Amino acid sequence: MYVKPAQDRAVTDPGRGDILPAEGREVPETQYWLRRLADGDVERARPVKAKGVAE
């Protein structure tokens, strides 16, 4: 699932050992991330397409 941090939140990504970037990223649908969703720390989002990339 693709998530991004809620406004004014910094959320640790335990799988990568860093902070979830503001634009978000794809993460596994684990208990950790489901809990972050339930707590309002992150929200589901859609990936931002890079400009100039043809499909």
N, C-alpha and C. Protein backbone atom coordinates (compact mmCIF):
# COMPACT_ATOMS: atom_id res chain seq x y z
N MET A 1 0.85 -1.17 0.00
CA MET A 1 0.00 0.00 0.00
C MET A 1 0.90 1.23 0.00
N TYR A 2 0.39 2.31 -0.54
CA TYR A 2 1.16 3.55 -0.62
C TYR A 2 0.64 4.49 0.45
N VAL A 3 1.53 4.98 1.29
CA VAL A 3 1.14 5.90 2.36
C VAL A 3 2.08 7.09 2.40
N LYS A 4 1.59 8.17 3.00
CA LYS A 4 2.43 9.33 3.26
C LYS A 4 2.12 9.80 4.67
N PRO A 5 3.07 10.50 5.29
CA PRO A 5 2.82 10.94 6.66
C PRO A 5 1.70 11.98 6.72
N ALA A 6 0.93 11.95 7.79
CA ALA A 6 -0.08 12.98 8.01
C ALA A 6 0.65 14.30 8.25
N GLN A 7 -0.07 15.39 8.09
CA GLN A 7 0.54 16.71 8.24
C GLN A 7 1.21 16.85 9.61
N ASP A 8 2.42 17.39 9.58
CA ASP A 8 3.22 17.64 10.79
C ASP A 8 3.60 16.38 11.55
N ARG A 9 3.71 15.25 10.84
CA ARG A 9 4.11 13.99 11.48
C ARG A 9 5.41 13.49 10.85
N ALA A 10 6.24 12.90 11.67
CA ALA A 10 7.44 12.20 11.21
C ALA A 10 7.26 10.74 11.64
N VAL A 11 7.27 9.84 10.67
CA VAL A 11 6.97 8.44 10.94
C VAL A 11 8.17 7.59 10.53
N THR A 12 8.65 6.77 11.44
CA THR A 12 9.77 5.89 11.16
C THR A 12 9.30 4.71 10.31
N ASP A 13 10.10 4.38 9.30
CA ASP A 13 9.84 3.20 8.47
C ASP A 13 10.80 2.12 8.97
N PRO A 14 10.31 1.15 9.76
CA PRO A 14 11.20 0.15 10.33
C PRO A 14 11.84 -0.76 9.29
N GLY A 15 11.20 -0.93 8.15
CA GLY A 15 11.75 -1.78 7.10
C GLY A 15 12.97 -1.18 6.42
N ARG A 16 13.04 0.14 6.39
CA ARG A 16 14.16 0.82 5.72
C ARG A 16 15.08 1.53 6.70
N GLY A 17 14.63 1.69 7.94
CA GLY A 17 15.46 2.33 8.94
C GLY A 17 15.59 3.83 8.77
N ASP A 18 14.58 4.46 8.16
CA ASP A 18 14.61 5.90 8.00
C ASP A 18 13.22 6.48 8.25
N ILE A 19 13.08 7.76 7.98
CA ILE A 19 11.80 8.44 8.14
C ILE A 19 11.04 8.39 6.83
N LEU A 20 9.75 8.12 6.89
CA LEU A 20 8.90 8.11 5.70
C LEU A 20 8.93 9.50 5.07
N PRO A 21 9.28 9.59 3.77
CA PRO A 21 9.35 10.91 3.12
C PRO A 21 7.97 11.55 2.99
N ALA A 22 7.95 12.87 2.90
CA ALA A 22 6.69 13.62 2.81
C ALA A 22 5.86 13.21 1.61
N GLU A 23 6.50 12.83 0.50
CA GLU A 23 5.75 12.41 -0.69
C GLU A 23 5.23 10.98 -0.56
N GLY A 24 5.66 10.27 0.46
CA GLY A 24 5.20 8.92 0.73
C GLY A 24 5.99 7.86 -0.02
N ARG A 25 5.61 6.61 0.22
CA ARG A 25 6.24 5.47 -0.46
C ARG A 25 5.37 4.24 -0.29
N GLU A 26 5.70 3.24 -1.09
CA GLU A 26 5.03 1.94 -1.01
C GLU A 26 5.58 1.21 0.21
N VAL A 27 4.68 0.69 1.04
CA VAL A 27 5.08 -0.06 2.23
C VAL A 27 4.26 -1.34 2.29
N PRO A 28 4.75 -2.35 3.00
CA PRO A 28 3.97 -3.59 3.12
C PRO A 28 2.77 -3.38 4.04
N GLU A 29 1.70 -4.10 3.80
CA GLU A 29 0.50 -3.96 4.61
C GLU A 29 0.64 -4.83 5.86
N THR A 30 1.46 -4.35 6.79
CA THR A 30 1.75 -5.07 8.04
C THR A 30 0.97 -4.45 9.19
N GLN A 31 1.00 -5.10 10.33
CA GLN A 31 0.35 -4.56 11.52
C GLN A 31 0.90 -3.18 11.88
N TYR A 32 2.20 -2.99 11.70
CA TYR A 32 2.82 -1.70 12.00
C TYR A 32 2.14 -0.58 11.20
N TRP A 33 2.06 -0.76 9.88
CA TRP A 33 1.51 0.29 9.02
C TRP A 33 0.00 0.42 9.20
N LEU A 34 -0.69 -0.67 9.44
CA LEU A 34 -2.12 -0.59 9.70
C LEU A 34 -2.39 0.18 10.99
N ARG A 35 -1.53 0.00 11.97
CA ARG A 35 -1.67 0.75 13.23
C ARG A 35 -1.39 2.23 13.01
N ARG A 36 -0.38 2.53 12.20
CA ARG A 36 -0.09 3.94 11.89
C ARG A 36 -1.29 4.60 11.21
N LEU A 37 -1.96 3.86 10.31
CA LEU A 37 -3.17 4.36 9.67
C LEU A 37 -4.27 4.61 10.70
N ALA A 38 -4.50 3.62 11.56
CA ALA A 38 -5.55 3.72 12.57
C ALA A 38 -5.30 4.88 13.54
N ASP A 39 -4.03 5.13 13.85
CA ASP A 39 -3.67 6.21 14.78
C ASP A 39 -3.66 7.58 14.11
N GLY A 40 -3.76 7.61 12.77
CA GLY A 40 -3.74 8.89 12.07
C GLY A 40 -2.35 9.44 11.81
N ASP A 41 -1.32 8.60 11.99
CA ASP A 41 0.05 9.03 11.74
C ASP A 41 0.36 9.09 10.24
N VAL A 42 -0.30 8.23 9.46
CA VAL A 42 -0.12 8.22 8.01
C VAL A 42 -1.49 8.18 7.36
N GLU A 43 -1.52 8.48 6.06
CA GLU A 43 -2.75 8.37 5.29
C GLU A 43 -2.45 7.69 3.97
N ARG A 44 -3.42 6.99 3.45
CA ARG A 44 -3.24 6.35 2.14
C ARG A 44 -3.11 7.45 1.10
N ALA A 45 -2.28 7.19 0.10
CA ALA A 45 -2.04 8.18 -0.94
C ALA A 45 -1.80 7.46 -2.25
N ARG A 46 -1.65 8.23 -3.30
CA ARG A 46 -1.30 7.69 -4.60
C ARG A 46 0.10 8.17 -4.94
N PRO A 47 0.89 7.31 -5.57
CA PRO A 47 2.25 7.72 -5.94
C PRO A 47 2.21 8.91 -6.88
N VAL A 48 3.17 9.81 -6.70
CA VAL A 48 3.30 10.97 -7.57
C VAL A 48 4.11 10.54 -8.78
N LYS A 49 3.58 10.77 -9.97
CA LYS A 49 4.30 10.42 -11.19
C LYS A 49 5.39 11.45 -11.45
N ALA A 50 6.54 10.97 -11.85
CA ALA A 50 7.65 11.86 -12.17
C ALA A 50 7.33 12.61 -13.47
N LYS A 51 7.67 13.88 -13.52
CA LYS A 51 7.44 14.66 -14.73
C LYS A 51 8.40 14.25 -15.81
N GLY A 52 7.91 14.21 -17.03
CA GLY A 52 8.76 13.88 -18.16
C GLY A 52 8.93 12.39 -18.39
N VAL A 53 8.19 11.57 -17.65
CA VAL A 53 8.30 10.13 -17.81
C VAL A 53 7.13 9.67 -18.68
N ALA A 54 7.44 9.05 -19.79
CA ALA A 54 6.40 8.55 -20.69
C ALA A 54 5.89 7.20 -20.21
N GLU A 55 4.61 6.97 -20.43
CA GLU A 55 4.03 5.67 -20.04
C GLU A 55 3.97 4.76 -21.23
